[in-house]
């Protein structure tokens, strides 16, 4: 990339590098996803986790003001980011102290009982602060 003269080395636009964001969407949704095939998705490249969450919180506050569910425990900044944007934050169970693992039943129960059209914040990997991630079977 550094030495490729056909690559634009200027400052990226507000949406980020389209080849990167399209690849991220295909990774997340799957190559055969109807959303991918029909171009019914939007991706934006952001700076870091705080930048991503802040951008997302401001967008939701403006265009989709629904409650957001965050794991308990969660990274210390999450509550501040979302409440500052004006969103109602609801905690869902995540960590089960007895097993030192994921409280899958508690998490799914809270999500199923959340207000309609709520936003759910998931840590895709390296859950902060527990380090506990769902297994492949739990994701499915």
Protein backbone atom coordinates (compact mmCIF):
# COMPACT_ATOMS: atom_id res chain seq x y z
CA UNK A 1 0.00 0.00 0.00
CA UNK A 2 2.78 2.40 0.94
CA UNK A 3 4.53 2.17 -2.42
CA UNK A 4 1.48 1.53 -4.62
CA UNK A 5 1.08 4.64 -6.83
CA UNK A 6 -2.52 3.69 -7.68
CA UNK A 7 -3.51 3.86 -4.01
CA UNK A 8 -4.82 7.19 -2.70
CA UNK A 9 -2.48 8.22 0.11
CA UNK A 10 -4.46 11.31 1.07
CA UNK A 11 -6.62 11.74 4.16
CA UNK A 12 -9.57 9.36 4.09
CA UNK A 13 -13.08 10.70 3.70
CA UNK A 14 -15.56 10.62 6.56
CA UNK A 15 -16.79 7.11 5.71
CA UNK A 16 -13.31 5.56 5.68
CA UNK A 17 -11.72 3.24 3.13
CA UNK A 18 -14.53 1.59 1.17
CA UNK A 19 -12.58 -1.58 0.34
CA UNK A 20 -11.96 -2.02 4.08
CA UNK A 21 -15.53 -1.29 5.19
CA UNK A 22 -17.02 -3.51 2.47
CA UNK A 23 -14.69 -6.35 3.52
CA UNK A 24 -15.72 -5.84 7.16
CA UNK A 25 -19.40 -6.04 6.20
CA UNK A 26 -18.82 -9.25 4.21
CA UNK A 27 -16.94 -10.72 7.18
CA UNK A 28 -19.71 -9.78 9.62
CA UNK A 29 -22.76 -10.60 7.49
CA UNK A 30 -21.35 -13.33 5.21
CA UNK A 31 -20.70 -13.25 1.47
CA UNK A 32 -24.10 -14.82 0.70
CA UNK A 33 -26.08 -12.53 3.00
CA UNK A 34 -29.14 -10.96 1.34
CA UNK A 35 -28.10 -7.66 2.91
CA UNK A 36 -24.75 -7.88 1.10
CA UNK A 37 -26.26 -9.01 -2.19
CA UNK A 38 -28.89 -6.24 -2.12
CA UNK A 39 -26.49 -3.58 -0.72
CA UNK A 40 -28.76 -3.08 2.32
CA UNK A 41 -25.99 -2.27 4.76
CA UNK A 42 -24.01 0.74 5.85
CA UNK A 43 -20.48 0.67 7.21
CA UNK A 44 -18.34 3.47 8.56
CA UNK A 45 -14.69 3.27 9.59
CA UNK A 46 -13.92 4.98 12.89
CA UNK A 47 -10.96 5.62 15.11
CA UNK A 48 -10.73 3.21 18.07
CA UNK A 49 -13.44 1.80 20.31
CA UNK A 50 -14.26 5.10 22.00
CA UNK A 51 -14.47 6.88 18.65
CA UNK A 52 -16.69 4.15 17.23
CA UNK A 53 -19.01 4.11 20.23
CA UNK A 54 -19.20 7.89 20.39
CA UNK A 55 -20.01 8.18 16.68
CA UNK A 56 -22.60 5.42 17.00
CA UNK A 57 -24.15 6.98 20.12
CA UNK A 58 -24.50 10.40 18.48
CA UNK A 59 -25.99 8.84 15.34
CA UNK A 60 -28.51 6.82 17.35
CA UNK A 61 -29.43 9.78 19.53
CA UNK A 62 -30.23 11.81 16.42
CA UNK A 63 -31.89 9.21 14.20
CA UNK A 64 -32.85 6.16 16.31
CA UNK A 65 -33.37 7.20 19.91
CA UNK A 66 -34.02 3.81 21.52
CA UNK A 67 -32.62 2.26 24.71
CA UNK A 68 -29.22 0.59 24.45
CA UNK A 69 -28.39 -2.59 26.34
CA UNK A 70 -24.81 -2.93 27.59
CA UNK A 71 -23.21 -5.85 29.38
CA UNK A 72 -22.76 -5.91 33.13
CA UNK A 73 -19.93 -5.48 33.72
CA UNK A 74 -18.81 -3.39 30.79
CA UNK A 75 -15.98 -1.04 29.95
CA UNK A 76 -16.16 2.02 32.20
CA UNK A 77 -16.64 4.49 29.35
CA UNK A 78 -19.72 2.85 27.84
CA UNK A 79 -22.28 4.34 30.24
CA UNK A 80 -20.78 7.83 29.91
CA UNK A 81 -20.64 7.69 26.11
CA UNK A 82 -24.25 6.61 25.67
CA UNK A 83 -25.85 8.68 28.44
CA UNK A 84 -23.99 11.80 27.29
CA UNK A 85 -25.54 11.26 23.86
CA UNK A 86 -28.95 11.12 25.52
CA UNK A 87 -29.62 7.39 25.24
CA UNK A 88 -31.19 5.33 28.01
CA UNK A 89 -28.75 2.61 29.10
CA UNK A 90 -30.01 -0.77 30.31
CA UNK A 91 -27.63 -3.38 31.73
CA UNK A 92 -27.84 -7.04 30.75
CA UNK A 93 -26.16 -9.88 32.68
CA UNK A 94 -22.94 -11.05 31.08
CA UNK A 95 -20.46 -12.56 33.54
CA UNK A 96 -21.36 -15.45 35.85
CA UNK A 97 -19.03 -15.37 38.88
CA UNK A 98 -19.79 -18.96 39.88
CA UNK A 99 -18.50 -20.38 36.59
CA UNK A 100 -16.19 -17.50 35.68
CA UNK A 101 -17.84 -17.60 32.30
CA UNK A 102 -20.60 -16.16 30.18
CA UNK A 103 -24.09 -15.92 31.67
CA UNK A 104 -25.72 -16.88 28.38
CA UNK A 105 -29.17 -17.53 29.87
CA UNK A 106 -29.21 -14.21 31.70
CA UNK A 107 -27.94 -12.32 28.66
CA UNK A 108 -30.45 -13.86 26.25
CA UNK A 109 -33.30 -13.41 28.73
CA UNK A 110 -32.53 -9.72 29.17
CA UNK A 111 -32.26 -9.19 25.41
CA UNK A 112 -35.53 -11.02 24.76
CA UNK A 113 -37.30 -8.92 27.41
CA UNK A 114 -35.81 -5.60 26.32
CA UNK A 115 -38.07 -2.83 25.01
CA UNK A 116 -38.95 -3.35 21.36
CA UNK A 117 -36.29 -2.23 18.86
CA UNK A 118 -33.67 -1.69 21.56
CA UNK A 119 -30.02 -1.48 20.57
CA UNK A 120 -27.74 -4.21 21.94
CA UNK A 121 -24.04 -3.49 22.38
CA UNK A 122 -22.01 -6.70 22.02
CA UNK A 123 -18.28 -7.10 22.55
CA UNK A 124 -17.37 -9.26 19.56
CA UNK A 125 -14.13 -10.41 21.19
CA UNK A 126 -11.90 -9.66 24.16
CA UNK A 127 -14.77 -8.56 26.40
CA UNK A 128 -13.67 -5.65 28.55
CA UNK A 129 -13.26 -6.03 31.52
CA UNK A 130 -13.85 -9.82 31.92
CA UNK A 131 -11.99 -11.24 28.92
CA UNK A 132 -14.81 -13.80 28.59
CA UNK A 133 -15.98 -14.32 25.02
CA UNK A 134 -18.90 -16.41 23.75
CA UNK A 135 -17.90 -19.71 22.19
CA UNK A 136 -18.71 -20.39 18.55
CA UNK A 137 -21.67 -22.50 19.69
CA UNK A 138 -22.94 -19.70 21.94
CA UNK A 139 -22.74 -17.19 19.08
CA UNK A 140 -24.82 -19.52 16.93
